[in-house]
Amino acid sequence: MNHPVSLYNTLTRTKEQFVPLQSPFVGLYVCGPTVYGDAHLGHARPYITFDVLRRYLQHLGYKVRYVRNITDVGHLQNDADFGEDKIQKLAKAAQLEPMEVVQQYTNSFHRDMARLNVAPPDIEPRASGHIIEQIEMIQEILDNGLAYVSNGSVYFDVPAYNKEHNYGKLSGRVIEDLLANTRDNLEGQEEKRSPLDFALWKKASPSHIMRWSSPWSDGFPGWHLECSAMSRKYLGTQFDIHGGGLDLMFPHHECEIAQSQASHNHTDAARFWVHNNLITINGKKMGKSLGNFITLGELFTGTHELLQQAYSPMTIRFFILQAHYRSTLDFSNEGLLAARKGYLKIMNGLRILDQLHYPTGAEAVDTKAEEEIKKLTAELFVPLNDDLNTAKSIAALFNLLKKVNSMHTGGFKLETISEETFEQMRTQYRALVLDVLGLKVEQTADAQELLNVVLSFYKEAKETKDYAKVDVIRAQLKGQGIVIKDMKTGIDWAYEE
């Protein structure tokens, strides 16, 4: 399969041509949510980005296995190696079993992703369901002399690892600088040989609810280890692409690479490490830790003080896709309103293309017009080959859309292009909008309001004794399973029983 797709690889800091390890198969792993709260706008960006990457690779004919995990244990407060588990803390406050919290927010996450038209992953492993695999991987790292047991916990030995490997190869961090920055804050570090060492397994305190048996203690896995074990189980010791937000590059993804190299894998896990940039709000990263986030539910309903109105799921999706995934994207009502307008223009174009019919017996093909439409059509997908540039693909859609609108109004005569070129244009436009960008038609009209309009026409027809129109309206609504009820108190409707 010879498609010149290039992706920016954080590991090499260059754009590289993407060639799968075992074409046509592609292994893609993306870090999923820690389910202790509703997903927010910042969460939507990686899942929409990698949804489009998966869709585009499938469009090109690759067979993608997409794995996106659920973190349901081991992610401690402040992403540290000490403190309370984020899920357990919430469960205690709400007097719930931790897995009730997990289920509640996993369900909420799935609902939000479905509304954003993010297709489900092929495999969605949970960290708590892969304890055996995690214990096995820890044992390998211990056997290789790159971890140690301390008071029932197991820590990764970063200085020992760094003698033969490069801890910091992904993020560009330097060990000496990291050490200099950690000397001032040694809280909770007493068990470690070096403040840079990170937990592979933590011994559970007596009050810790979420715990499992291991050779070292009753405890729970380290947050970084979970992804290493799950990606290996479902994609192998080396796979094609590991995705996630830029905020996960260090320490999470850096630690994943170290764990993979230190285990029996001896690989960087993924060949391509791909990171989307963050969504900011007034220039600061949007996140739960800063408390400056807007949940997807709040966006869909407009119930947040920073929102001027509600924004539909497709508006959010379009807002994210109109920026390149590696650029920052600042939240604003103006940006969302512009995205709404842009999305509707694209969907109106789709509607027009469905209505246009190539005239029969047309023979007056104009070479200039033909070449122009061919060129505009060819440009739709080209930007996606250059590091998944959805922003430029959308710009190309708008360029073609000007011609589509002109065809609709009669300014551009369809017979000046060949039927083959017309069909190619229609097919490619549809494929990009629906299949690759993953946009879909949203019902903007309220059915009840439309019904009220029809009933007002019915009432007017009765009052003017236009019984032919009365019969037509009755019959049309009956075809939709609705009957009109003429009562002394007025006109109403009911479902036909």
Protein backbone atom coordinates (compact mmCIF):
# COMPACT_ATOMS: atom_id res chain seq x y z
CA MET A 1 0.00 0.00 0.00
CA ASN A 2 1.70 3.17 -1.15
CA HIS A 3 0.12 6.26 0.37
CA PRO A 4 2.54 9.09 1.19
CA VAL A 5 1.15 9.92 4.64
CA SER A 6 3.55 11.79 6.91
CA LEU A 7 3.08 12.33 10.64
CA TYR A 8 5.06 14.44 13.10
CA ASN A 9 6.88 12.01 15.38
CA THR A 10 7.57 13.58 18.78
CA LEU A 11 10.26 10.95 19.34
CA THR A 12 12.38 12.16 16.41
CA ARG A 13 11.03 15.72 16.28
CA THR A 14 10.51 15.39 12.55
CA LYS A 15 7.74 14.68 10.10
CA GLU A 16 8.23 11.14 8.84
CA GLN A 17 6.54 9.11 6.16
CA PHE A 18 4.23 6.66 7.87
CA VAL A 19 4.87 3.06 6.90
CA PRO A 20 3.20 0.46 9.14
CA LEU A 21 5.25 -2.37 10.64
CA GLN A 22 3.00 -4.96 9.01
CA SER A 23 1.02 -3.26 6.26
CA PRO A 24 -1.95 -3.17 5.77
CA PHE A 25 -2.35 -3.58 9.55
CA VAL A 26 -1.95 -0.53 11.81
CA GLY A 27 -1.76 -0.67 15.61
CA LEU A 28 -2.93 2.55 17.31
CA TYR A 29 -2.97 3.13 21.08
CA VAL A 30 -4.38 6.29 22.66
CA CYS A 31 -4.43 7.08 26.37
CA GLY A 32 -8.05 7.13 27.51
CA PRO A 33 -9.67 9.04 30.35
CA THR A 34 -9.27 8.65 34.10
CA VAL A 35 -12.95 8.31 34.93
CA TYR A 36 -13.53 10.45 38.01
CA GLY A 37 -15.50 13.28 36.37
CA ASP A 38 -17.34 14.30 33.23
CA ALA A 39 -15.28 14.82 30.07
CA HIS A 40 -14.50 18.45 29.23
CA LEU A 41 -13.61 20.34 26.06
CA GLY A 42 -9.90 19.60 26.56
CA HIS A 43 -10.65 15.86 26.55
CA ALA A 44 -12.57 16.14 23.30
CA ARG A 45 -9.49 17.21 21.35
CA PRO A 46 -7.37 14.02 21.49
CA TYR A 47 -10.35 11.73 20.96
CA ILE A 48 -11.59 13.70 17.93
CA THR A 49 -8.02 14.02 16.56
CA PHE A 50 -7.24 10.31 16.75
CA ASP A 51 -10.74 9.41 15.58
CA VAL A 52 -9.96 11.33 12.36
CA LEU A 53 -6.50 9.72 12.08
CA ARG A 54 -8.09 6.29 12.38
CA ARG A 55 -10.85 7.18 9.90
CA TYR A 56 -8.33 8.50 7.38
CA LEU A 57 -6.09 5.44 7.61
CA GLN A 58 -9.17 3.26 7.08
CA HIS A 59 -10.17 5.44 4.13
CA LEU A 60 -6.76 4.70 2.61
CA GLY A 61 -7.40 0.97 3.01
CA TYR A 62 -5.42 0.20 6.17
CA LYS A 63 -6.83 -2.23 8.72
CA VAL A 64 -6.59 -0.34 12.01
CA ARG A 65 -6.75 -1.89 15.47
CA TYR A 66 -7.52 1.05 17.75
CA VAL A 67 -6.97 0.51 21.49
CA ARG A 68 -8.04 3.24 23.93
CA ASN A 69 -7.98 2.41 27.62
CA ILE A 70 -10.04 3.40 30.63
CA THR A 71 -7.93 4.34 33.68
CA ASP A 72 -9.94 3.15 36.66
CA VAL A 73 -7.21 2.78 39.31
CA GLY A 74 -3.73 4.03 40.21
CA HIS A 75 -3.98 7.65 38.98
CA LEU A 76 -3.13 9.56 42.15
CA GLN A 77 -3.77 13.21 43.03
CA ASN A 78 -1.51 15.65 41.13
CA ASP A 79 -0.32 12.74 38.93
CA ALA A 80 2.18 11.93 41.72
CA ASP A 81 3.41 8.69 43.36
CA PHE A 82 1.85 9.54 46.70
CA GLY A 83 -1.49 10.85 47.92
CA GLU A 84 -4.96 9.51 47.26
CA ASP A 85 -6.33 7.77 44.18
CA LYS A 86 -8.49 10.29 42.25
CA ILE A 87 -11.35 7.81 41.89
CA GLN A 88 -11.17 6.57 45.48
CA LYS A 89 -11.20 10.13 46.85
CA LEU A 90 -14.44 10.87 44.98
CA ALA A 91 -15.96 7.52 45.97
CA LYS A 92 -15.31 8.16 49.68
CA ALA A 93 -16.82 11.65 49.51
CA ALA A 94 -19.94 10.30 47.78
CA GLN A 95 -20.08 7.12 49.91
CA LEU A 96 -19.87 4.92 46.83
CA GLU A 97 -17.94 1.82 45.86
CA PRO A 98 -15.09 3.08 43.60
CA MET A 99 -16.32 0.98 40.69
CA GLU A 100 -19.69 2.77 40.89
CA VAL A 101 -17.82 6.02 40.24
CA VAL A 102 -15.90 4.34 37.41
CA GLN A 103 -19.08 3.03 35.78
CA GLN A 104 -20.95 6.31 36.14
CA TYR A 105 -18.22 8.37 34.45
CA THR A 106 -17.38 5.70 31.86
CA ASN A 107 -21.04 5.75 30.79
CA SER A 108 -21.00 9.55 30.72
CA PHE A 109 -17.77 9.54 28.64
CA HIS A 110 -19.26 7.07 26.15
CA ARG A 111 -22.42 9.20 25.79
CA ASP A 112 -20.37 12.34 25.12
CA MET A 113 -18.13 10.57 22.59
CA ALA A 114 -21.17 9.16 20.76
CA ARG A 115 -22.68 12.64 20.51
CA LEU A 116 -19.38 13.95 19.07
CA ASN A 117 -19.50 11.07 16.56
CA VAL A 118 -16.23 9.65 17.90
CA ALA A 119 -16.36 5.99 16.88
CA PRO A 120 -15.72 3.52 19.73
CA PRO A 121 -12.25 1.93 19.85
CA ASP A 122 -11.84 -1.67 18.73
CA ILE A 123 -10.64 -2.59 22.23
CA GLU A 124 -11.25 -0.58 25.40
CA PRO A 125 -9.26 -2.26 28.19
CA ARG A 126 -9.58 -1.23 31.82
CA ALA A 127 -6.49 -0.98 34.00
CA SER A 128 -8.16 -2.95 36.82
CA GLY A 129 -8.80 -5.83 34.41
CA HIS A 130 -5.11 -6.24 33.55
CA ILE A 131 -3.41 -6.56 36.93
CA ILE A 132 -1.82 -9.92 35.98
CA GLU A 133 -0.18 -8.43 32.87
CA GLN A 134 1.09 -5.49 34.91
CA ILE A 135 2.61 -7.73 37.58
CA GLU A 136 4.36 -9.75 34.84
CA MET A 137 5.85 -6.60 33.32
CA ILE A 138 7.06 -5.33 36.70
CA GLN A 139 8.78 -8.68 37.32
CA GLU A 140 10.57 -8.40 33.96
CA ILE A 141 11.87 -4.92 34.86
CA LEU A 142 13.01 -6.23 38.27
CA ASP A 143 14.73 -9.20 36.59
CA ASN A 144 16.55 -6.79 34.28
CA GLY A 145 17.90 -4.89 37.30
CA LEU A 146 16.09 -1.65 36.51
CA ALA A 147 13.62 -1.57 39.41
CA TYR A 148 13.76 -2.23 43.16
CA VAL A 149 11.40 -3.13 45.98
CA SER A 150 11.11 -0.67 48.85
CA ASN A 151 8.75 -1.28 51.78
CA GLY A 152 6.37 -3.36 49.62
CA SER A 153 6.31 -0.85 46.77
CA VAL A 154 8.25 -1.25 43.51
CA TYR A 155 10.03 1.71 41.91
CA PHE A 156 11.61 2.16 38.52
CA ASP A 157 15.33 3.01 38.88
CA VAL A 158 15.72 6.00 36.55
CA PRO A 159 19.49 6.65 37.14
CA ALA A 160 20.31 2.94 36.56
CA TYR A 161 18.19 2.93 33.40
CA ASN A 162 19.80 6.14 32.17
CA LYS A 163 23.29 4.59 32.16
CA GLU A 164 22.47 2.66 28.98
CA HIS A 165 19.32 4.41 27.79
CA ASN A 166 18.14 7.97 27.43
CA TYR A 167 15.44 8.90 29.95
CA GLY A 168 14.15 12.12 28.39
CA LYS A 169 14.45 11.07 24.74
CA LEU A 170 10.76 11.82 24.09
CA SER A 171 10.32 15.04 26.05
CA GLY A 172 13.84 16.44 25.65
CA ARG A 173 14.24 16.62 29.44
CA VAL A 174 17.75 16.29 30.90
CA ILE A 175 18.29 14.16 34.02
CA GLU A 176 20.51 16.75 35.74
CA ASP A 177 17.93 19.51 35.23
CA LEU A 178 15.13 17.25 36.48
CA LEU A 179 17.13 16.41 39.61
CA ALA A 180 17.84 20.07 40.27
CA ASN A 181 14.12 20.81 40.12
CA THR A 182 13.10 17.99 42.47
CA ARG A 183 15.51 18.54 45.38
CA ASP A 184 13.31 21.17 46.97
CA ASN A 185 10.23 18.96 47.11
CA LEU A 186 10.95 15.56 48.64
CA GLU A 187 7.53 15.00 50.23
CA GLY A 188 6.49 11.34 49.87
CA GLN A 189 9.86 10.43 48.32
CA GLU A 190 11.36 8.65 51.36
CA GLU A 191 11.06 5.16 49.84
CA LYS A 192 12.87 6.13 46.63
CA ARG A 193 16.58 5.94 45.88
CA SER A 194 16.21 8.95 43.57
CA PRO A 195 13.42 11.54 43.43
CA LEU A 196 13.16 10.79 39.69
CA ASP A 197 12.21 7.16 40.31
CA PHE A 198 8.54 6.41 39.72
CA ALA A 199 6.16 3.80 41.10
CA LEU A 200 5.48 0.57 39.23
CA TRP A 201 3.54 -0.86 42.17
CA LYS A 202 2.36 0.86 45.33
CA LYS A 203 1.75 -0.87 48.63
CA ALA A 204 -1.75 0.07 49.76
CA SER A 205 -2.22 1.93 53.03
CA PRO A 206 -4.77 0.39 55.43
CA SER A 207 -7.43 2.89 54.29
CA HIS A 208 -6.88 2.22 50.58
CA ILE A 209 -9.92 0.42 49.14
CA MET A 210 -8.63 -0.50 45.67
CA ARG A 211 -6.01 -3.21 46.15
CA TRP A 212 -4.81 -6.49 44.65
CA SER A 213 -2.40 -9.22 45.73
CA SER A 214 1.09 -9.16 44.26
CA PRO A 215 4.46 -10.79 45.09
CA TRP A 216 5.49 -7.55 46.83
CA SER A 217 2.39 -6.43 48.75
CA ASP A 218 -1.33 -5.92 48.61
CA GLY A 219 -1.47 -2.80 46.51
CA PHE A 220 -2.18 -1.28 43.13
CA PRO A 221 -0.27 -0.56 39.90
CA GLY A 222 1.48 2.66 38.96
CA TRP A 223 -0.39 4.89 36.51
CA HIS A 224 2.33 4.81 33.82
CA LEU A 225 2.66 1.03 33.91
CA GLU A 226 -0.98 0.37 33.06
CA CYS A 227 -0.71 1.74 29.50
CA SER A 228 2.55 -0.14 28.87
CA ALA A 229 1.00 -3.47 29.86
CA MET A 230 -2.28 -2.94 28.00
CA SER A 231 -0.72 -1.66 24.77
CA ARG A 232 1.66 -4.64 24.75
CA LYS A 233 -1.13 -7.14 25.34
CA TYR A 234 -3.27 -5.95 22.42
CA LEU A 235 -0.72 -4.49 19.99
CA GLY A 236 2.52 -6.35 20.72
CA THR A 237 5.97 -5.39 22.01
CA GLN A 238 6.25 -2.80 19.24
CA PHE A 239 3.40 -1.12 17.38
CA ASP A 240 2.80 1.75 14.98
CA ILE A 241 1.31 4.80 16.71
CA HIS A 242 0.87 5.94 20.31
CA GLY A 243 -1.30 9.03 20.64
CA GLY A 244 -2.32 11.41 23.37
CA GLY A 245 -2.37 15.00 24.54
CA LEU A 246 0.82 17.04 24.82
CA ASP A 247 0.33 17.20 28.60
CA LEU A 248 0.94 13.42 28.76
CA MET A 249 4.34 13.57 27.02
CA PHE A 250 6.10 13.98 30.36
CA PRO A 251 6.12 12.13 32.61
CA HIS A 252 3.47 9.65 31.43
CA HIS A 253 4.68 8.79 27.93
CA GLU A 254 8.35 9.20 28.85
CA CYS A 255 7.84 6.60 31.58
CA GLU A 256 5.98 4.30 29.17
CA ILE A 257 9.01 4.26 26.84
CA ALA A 258 11.35 3.61 29.78
CA GLN A 259 9.18 0.73 31.02
CA SER A 260 9.01 -0.80 27.56
CA GLN A 261 12.79 -0.58 27.07
CA ALA A 262 13.47 -1.92 30.58
CA SER A 263 11.09 -4.90 30.22
CA HIS A 264 11.65 -7.82 27.87
CA ASN A 265 10.24 -5.65 25.02
CA HIS A 266 13.47 -3.64 24.60
CA THR A 267 11.56 -1.23 22.31
CA ASP A 268 10.16 2.31 22.48
CA ALA A 269 6.71 0.65 22.42
CA ALA A 270 5.45 2.75 19.50
CA ARG A 271 7.43 3.85 16.45
CA PHE A 272 5.42 7.06 16.11
CA TRP A 273 4.55 9.10 19.19
CA VAL A 274 1.91 11.62 18.13
CA HIS A 275 0.72 14.43 20.41
CA ASN A 276 -2.13 16.89 19.99
CA ASN A 277 -1.72 20.35 21.45
CA LEU A 278 -3.94 21.65 24.22
CA ILE A 279 -7.11 23.69 24.36
CA THR A 280 -6.51 26.87 26.31
CA ILE A 281 -8.86 29.22 28.04
CA ASN A 282 -7.55 32.76 28.41
CA GLY A 283 -4.13 31.41 27.45
CA LYS A 284 -4.01 28.72 30.18
CA LYS A 285 -4.37 24.96 29.69
CA MET A 286 -7.95 23.84 30.28
CA GLY A 287 -7.97 21.08 32.89
CA LYS A 288 -9.51 19.65 36.03
CA SER A 289 -6.39 20.44 38.06
CA LEU A 290 -6.79 24.18 37.36
CA GLY A 291 -10.58 24.10 37.71
CA ASN A 292 -10.97 26.17 34.52
CA PHE A 293 -12.71 23.57 32.43
CA ILE A 294 -16.08 23.49 30.67
CA THR A 295 -17.62 20.01 30.52
CA LEU A 296 -19.03 18.73 27.24
CA GLY A 297 -22.45 18.50 28.90
CA GLU A 298 -22.25 22.20 29.80
CA LEU A 299 -21.30 23.06 26.21
CA PHE A 300 -24.23 21.05 24.81
CA THR A 301 -26.70 22.78 27.18
CA GLY A 302 -25.07 26.21 27.52
CA THR A 303 -25.04 25.96 31.33
CA HIS A 304 -21.68 27.57 32.15
CA GLU A 305 -21.04 31.20 33.01
CA LEU A 306 -18.48 31.56 30.18
CA LEU A 307 -20.92 30.37 27.51
CA GLN A 308 -23.16 32.77 25.61
CA GLN A 309 -25.34 29.89 24.39
CA ALA A 310 -25.48 26.12 23.92
CA TYR A 311 -23.25 24.62 21.22
CA SER A 312 -24.12 21.42 19.40
CA PRO A 313 -21.75 18.41 19.31
CA MET A 314 -20.95 18.93 15.61
CA THR A 315 -20.11 22.58 16.30
CA ILE A 316 -17.58 21.38 18.90
CA ARG A 317 -16.17 18.79 16.49
CA PHE A 318 -15.82 21.34 13.70
CA PHE A 319 -14.27 23.89 16.11
CA ILE A 320 -11.55 21.37 16.98
CA LEU A 321 -10.95 20.22 13.39
CA GLN A 322 -10.59 23.71 11.92
CA ALA A 323 -7.27 24.05 13.77
CA HIS A 324 -4.26 21.82 13.08
CA TYR A 325 -4.00 19.27 15.87
CA ARG A 326 -0.48 20.41 16.84
CA SER A 327 -1.45 24.07 17.28
CA THR A 328 -2.98 25.46 20.46
CA LEU A 329 -6.68 26.25 20.28
CA ASP A 330 -8.09 28.95 22.51
CA PHE A 331 -11.69 28.66 23.65
CA SER A 332 -13.97 31.57 22.79
CA ASN A 333 -17.67 32.06 22.10
CA GLU A 334 -16.71 33.88 18.89
CA GLY A 335 -14.69 30.87 17.74
CA LEU A 336 -17.56 28.48 18.47
CA LEU A 337 -20.11 30.69 16.70
CA ALA A 338 -17.83 30.87 13.64
CA ALA A 339 -17.43 27.07 13.79
CA ARG A 340 -21.22 26.67 13.84
CA LYS A 341 -21.51 28.81 10.73
CA GLY A 342 -18.73 26.92 8.95
CA TYR A 343 -20.19 23.53 9.85
CA LEU A 344 -23.63 24.53 8.51
CA LYS A 345 -22.11 25.79 5.25
CA ILE A 346 -20.36 22.45 4.73
CA MET A 347 -23.57 20.50 5.48
CA ASN A 348 -25.62 22.73 3.18
CA GLY A 349 -23.08 21.89 0.48
CA LEU A 350 -23.69 18.20 1.13
CA ARG A 351 -27.45 18.74 0.79
CA ILE A 352 -26.99 20.61 -2.49
CA LEU A 353 -24.74 17.88 -3.91
CA ASP A 354 -27.41 15.30 -3.09
CA GLN A 355 -29.98 17.38 -5.01
CA LEU A 356 -27.85 18.12 -8.08
CA HIS A 357 -28.42 15.84 -11.08
CA TYR A 358 -26.15 15.70 -14.05
CA PRO A 359 -28.12 16.71 -17.17
CA THR A 360 -28.77 13.92 -19.67
CA GLY A 361 -27.17 14.18 -23.06
CA ALA A 362 -24.72 16.91 -21.98
CA GLU A 363 -21.79 17.16 -24.36
CA ALA A 364 -20.46 20.72 -24.06
CA VAL A 365 -17.48 19.95 -21.76
CA ASP A 366 -15.30 23.00 -21.20
CA THR A 367 -11.65 21.99 -20.70
CA LYS A 368 -10.92 24.92 -18.36
CA ALA A 369 -13.97 24.25 -16.16
CA GLU A 370 -13.22 20.51 -16.15
CA GLU A 371 -9.62 21.04 -15.01
CA GLU A 372 -10.69 23.54 -12.36
CA ILE A 373 -13.16 21.14 -10.71
CA LYS A 374 -10.69 18.24 -10.98
CA LYS A 375 -8.00 20.34 -9.28
CA LEU A 376 -10.32 21.52 -6.47
CA THR A 377 -11.50 17.93 -5.89
CA ALA A 378 -7.94 16.56 -5.85
CA GLU A 379 -6.94 19.13 -3.21
CA LEU A 380 -9.49 17.89 -0.63
CA PHE A 381 -7.42 15.05 0.80
CA VAL A 382 -3.86 16.23 0.05
CA PRO A 383 -3.47 18.20 3.35
CA LEU A 384 -4.35 15.09 5.38
CA ASN A 385 -1.25 13.38 3.99
CA ASP A 386 0.82 16.20 5.47
CA ASP A 387 0.54 15.50 9.20
CA LEU A 388 -3.25 15.23 9.22
CA ASN A 389 -3.86 18.89 8.42
CA THR A 390 -7.64 19.04 8.86
CA ALA A 391 -7.55 22.86 8.84
CA LYS A 392 -6.25 22.94 5.24
CA SER A 393 -8.62 20.16 4.17
CA ILE A 394 -11.55 22.22 5.47
CA ALA A 395 -10.20 25.26 3.60
CA ALA A 396 -10.11 23.10 0.44
CA LEU A 397 -13.74 22.09 1.10
CA PHE A 398 -14.75 25.75 1.22
CA ASN A 399 -12.94 26.41 -2.08
CA LEU A 400 -14.88 23.60 -3.76
CA LEU A 401 -18.08 24.67 -2.02
CA LYS A 402 -18.04 28.03 -3.86
CA LYS A 403 -18.33 26.08 -7.13
CA VAL A 404 -21.01 23.75 -5.72
CA ASN A 405 -23.12 26.74 -4.67
CA SER A 406 -22.63 28.24 -8.13
CA MET A 407 -23.82 24.98 -9.71
CA HIS A 408 -26.90 25.15 -7.49
CA THR A 409 -27.81 28.72 -8.46
CA GLY A 410 -27.07 28.12 -12.14
CA GLY A 411 -23.99 30.33 -12.41
CA PHE A 412 -21.77 27.32 -13.11
CA LYS A 413 -23.27 25.08 -15.79
CA LEU A 414 -22.97 21.37 -14.90
CA GLU A 415 -22.72 20.37 -18.54
CA THR A 416 -19.37 22.20 -18.79
CA ILE A 417 -17.77 19.30 -16.86
CA SER A 418 -17.95 15.57 -17.59
CA GLU A 419 -20.32 13.32 -15.66
CA GLU A 420 -17.29 11.38 -14.38
CA THR A 421 -15.75 14.56 -12.91
CA PHE A 422 -19.09 15.55 -11.37
CA GLU A 423 -19.52 12.12 -9.70
CA GLN A 424 -15.90 12.16 -8.49
CA MET A 425 -16.45 15.60 -6.93
CA ARG A 426 -19.62 14.47 -5.20
CA THR A 427 -18.07 11.23 -3.93
CA GLN A 428 -14.91 12.89 -2.60
CA TYR A 429 -16.81 15.73 -0.88
CA ARG A 430 -19.08 13.22 0.86
CA ALA A 431 -16.19 10.92 1.81
CA LEU A 432 -14.18 13.75 3.38
CA VAL A 433 -17.08 15.31 5.29
CA LEU A 434 -18.87 12.17 6.52
CA ASP A 435 -16.32 9.35 6.54
CA VAL A 436 -13.03 11.07 7.41
CA LEU A 437 -13.85 14.30 9.25
CA GLY A 438 -16.73 12.43 10.87
CA LEU A 439 -19.25 15.27 10.62
CA LYS A 440 -22.92 14.35 10.48
CA VAL A 441 -26.25 16.05 9.96
CA GLU A 442 -27.74 17.36 13.19
CA GLN A 443 -31.47 17.81 13.56
CA THR A 444 -31.67 21.54 14.19
CA ALA A 445 -35.46 21.72 14.04
CA ASP A 446 -37.69 20.93 17.00
CA ALA A 447 -40.36 18.39 15.96
CA GLN A 448 -42.94 19.81 18.38
CA GLU A 449 -42.44 23.34 17.02
CA LEU A 450 -42.81 22.09 13.43
CA LEU A 451 -45.99 20.26 14.40
CA ASN A 452 -47.37 23.46 15.94
CA VAL A 453 -46.72 25.27 12.63
CA VAL A 454 -48.60 22.55 10.69
CA LEU A 455 -51.52 22.70 13.17
CA SER A 456 -51.72 26.48 12.73
CA PHE A 457 -52.06 25.92 8.95
CA TYR A 458 -54.75 23.30 9.66
CA LYS A 459 -56.67 25.72 11.88
CA GLU A 460 -56.46 28.45 9.22
CA ALA A 461 -57.68 26.03 6.50
CA LYS A 462 -60.68 25.06 8.66
CA GLU A 463 -61.56 28.67 9.38
CA THR A 464 -61.45 29.57 5.68
CA LYS A 465 -63.37 26.36 4.85
CA ASP A 466 -60.53 25.13 2.60
CA TYR A 467 -61.52 21.48 3.15
CA ALA A 468 -59.23 20.15 0.42
CA LYS A 469 -56.22 21.52 2.36
CA VAL A 470 -57.71 20.19 5.64
CA ASP A 471 -57.84 16.69 4.13
CA VAL A 472 -54.28 16.93 2.75
CA ILE A 473 -52.85 17.99 6.14
CA ARG A 474 -54.79 15.24 7.95
CA ALA A 475 -53.58 12.60 5.48
CA GLN A 476 -49.96 13.78 5.59
CA LEU A 477 -49.84 13.70 9.40
CA LYS A 478 -51.61 10.32 9.47
CA GLY A 479 -48.78 9.02 7.28
CA GLN A 480 -46.42 10.07 10.09
CA GLY A 481 -48.52 8.23 12.71
CA ILE A 482 -50.18 11.39 14.05
CA VAL A 483 -53.93 12.11 14.18
CA ILE A 484 -55.49 15.57 14.54
CA LYS A 485 -58.17 15.93 17.21
CA ASP A 486 -60.85 18.61 16.68
CA MET A 487 -62.26 19.40 20.13
CA LYS A 488 -64.55 22.06 21.56
CA THR A 489 -61.58 23.41 23.49
CA GLY A 490 -59.40 23.67 20.40
CA ILE A 491 -57.18 21.59 18.13
CA ASP A 492 -54.74 18.99 19.46
CA TRP A 493 -52.88 15.97 18.15
CA ALA A 494 -52.21 12.44 19.38
CA TYR A 495 -50.15 9.43 18.33
CA GLU A 496 -52.29 7.12 16.20
CA GLU A 497 -53.21 4.10 18.31
